[in-house]
Amino acid sequence: MVRKVLDVFRKQKFNVIIMSFRFDSEQNGKWWELMLGWKWPHQGFTIGYDLVEPNDQPQENEMTYYTCLLYLGCLSIIYNFGNHDWDE
C-alpha cells in the first residue's frame, strides 16, 4: 500500500506531505486515509480533481483501493479508501 501511494506522489511530484491520518476498522475491514500534499508554485499550480479507480484485474498481493485527489493550487488533499475484503 505504501509503495502504491508513494508511486502516486512521485507522479504528482509532491515535495512535502504535510499531515496524514489513517483509520482501519477491524470489525468490517474498511479503511481510509487522508493526506495533505504540498507542491511549490513553480513546480505546478493546479485547480481541479482526479478520481483513480483500482485495476479491474489486480495482480497477486496488490491492494485494491480508490483515490480521490483534490487540487487547490499548491495544496492537494488526497483521500484513499478501501476494504480489506476486496483483496480476497
Protein backbone atom coordinates (compact mmCIF):
# COMPACT_ATOMS: atom_id res chain seq x y z
CA MET A 1 0.00 0.00 0.00
CA VAL A 2 2.69 2.46 0.98
CA ARG A 3 4.58 1.74 -2.24
CA LYS A 4 1.48 2.44 -4.37
CA VAL A 5 0.79 5.70 -2.52
CA LEU A 6 4.41 6.77 -2.96
CA ASP A 7 4.13 5.99 -6.69
CA VAL A 8 1.17 8.41 -6.88
CA PHE A 9 3.20 11.04 -5.02
CA ARG A 10 6.18 10.59 -7.36
CA LYS A 11 3.94 11.01 -10.40
CA GLN A 12 2.40 14.15 -8.90
CA LYS A 13 5.81 15.34 -7.61
CA PHE A 14 4.66 16.36 -4.17
CA ASN A 15 7.54 17.78 -2.16
CA VAL A 16 6.07 17.54 1.28
CA ILE A 17 3.31 15.51 2.88
CA ILE A 18 2.08 17.96 5.48
CA MET A 19 0.00 15.50 7.51
CA SER A 20 -1.62 12.12 7.21
CA PHE A 21 -4.49 10.39 9.04
CA ARG A 22 -5.36 6.70 8.70
CA PHE A 23 -8.21 4.63 10.14
CA ASP A 24 -8.52 0.82 9.98
CA SER A 25 -11.72 -0.85 11.15
CA GLU A 26 -11.12 -4.40 12.26
CA GLN A 27 -14.86 -5.03 12.59
CA ASN A 28 -15.85 -4.62 8.94
CA GLY A 29 -12.47 -4.45 7.15
CA LYS A 30 -12.93 -0.92 5.84
CA TRP A 31 -10.12 1.63 5.96
CA TRP A 32 -9.49 5.19 4.84
CA GLU A 33 -6.56 7.57 4.71
CA LEU A 34 -6.48 11.35 4.39
CA MET A 35 -3.31 13.20 3.43
CA LEU A 36 -2.30 16.74 2.56
CA GLY A 37 0.40 17.28 -0.04
CA TRP A 38 2.33 20.41 -0.92
CA LYS A 39 3.98 21.47 -4.20
CA TRP A 40 5.92 24.68 -4.71
CA PRO A 41 4.14 27.05 -7.14
CA HIS A 42 6.99 26.93 -9.65
CA GLN A 43 6.59 23.11 -9.82
CA GLY A 44 2.93 23.29 -10.65
CA PHE A 45 -0.22 25.14 -9.68
CA THR A 46 -3.33 23.03 -10.26
CA ILE A 47 -7.02 23.58 -9.60
CA GLY A 48 -9.25 20.53 -10.07
CA TYR A 49 -9.78 16.95 -9.03
CA ASP A 50 -8.86 13.41 -10.01
CA LEU A 51 -10.60 10.11 -9.24
CA VAL A 52 -8.43 7.00 -9.50
CA GLU A 53 -10.12 3.60 -9.55
CA PRO A 54 -8.39 0.28 -8.84
CA ASN A 55 -7.32 -2.10 -11.59
CA ASP A 56 -10.08 -4.35 -12.96
CA GLN A 57 -7.80 -7.37 -12.63
CA PRO A 58 -5.38 -6.72 -9.77
CA GLN A 59 -2.17 -8.70 -9.55
CA GLU A 60 -1.49 -11.08 -6.69
CA ASN A 61 -0.80 -9.28 -3.38
CA GLU A 62 -1.90 -5.93 -4.86
CA MET A 63 -4.11 -3.83 -2.62
CA THR A 64 -7.39 -2.66 -4.14
CA TYR A 65 -8.43 0.88 -3.23
CA TYR A 66 -9.86 4.12 -4.61
CA THR A 67 -8.16 7.51 -4.54
CA CYS A 68 -9.75 10.96 -4.72
CA LEU A 69 -7.37 13.89 -5.24
CA LEU A 70 -8.48 17.50 -4.84
CA TYR A 71 -6.01 20.05 -6.19
CA LEU A 72 -6.22 23.50 -4.61
CA GLY A 73 -3.29 25.35 -6.15
CA CYS A 74 -0.17 24.39 -4.22
CA LEU A 75 -2.08 22.26 -1.70
CA SER A 76 -3.59 18.87 -2.53
CA ILE A 77 -5.97 16.76 -0.47
CA ILE A 78 -5.63 13.01 -1.04
CA TYR A 79 -8.31 10.62 0.19
CA ASN A 80 -7.72 6.86 -0.17
CA PHE A 81 -10.32 4.29 0.87
CA GLY A 82 -10.80 0.58 0.52
CA ASN A 83 -11.93 -2.63 2.09
CA HIS A 84 -9.62 -5.49 3.06
CA ASP A 85 -12.26 -7.94 1.76
CA TRP A 86 -11.80 -6.60 -1.80
CA ASP A 87 -8.32 -8.12 -1.90
CA GLU A 88 -9.54 -11.68 -1.44
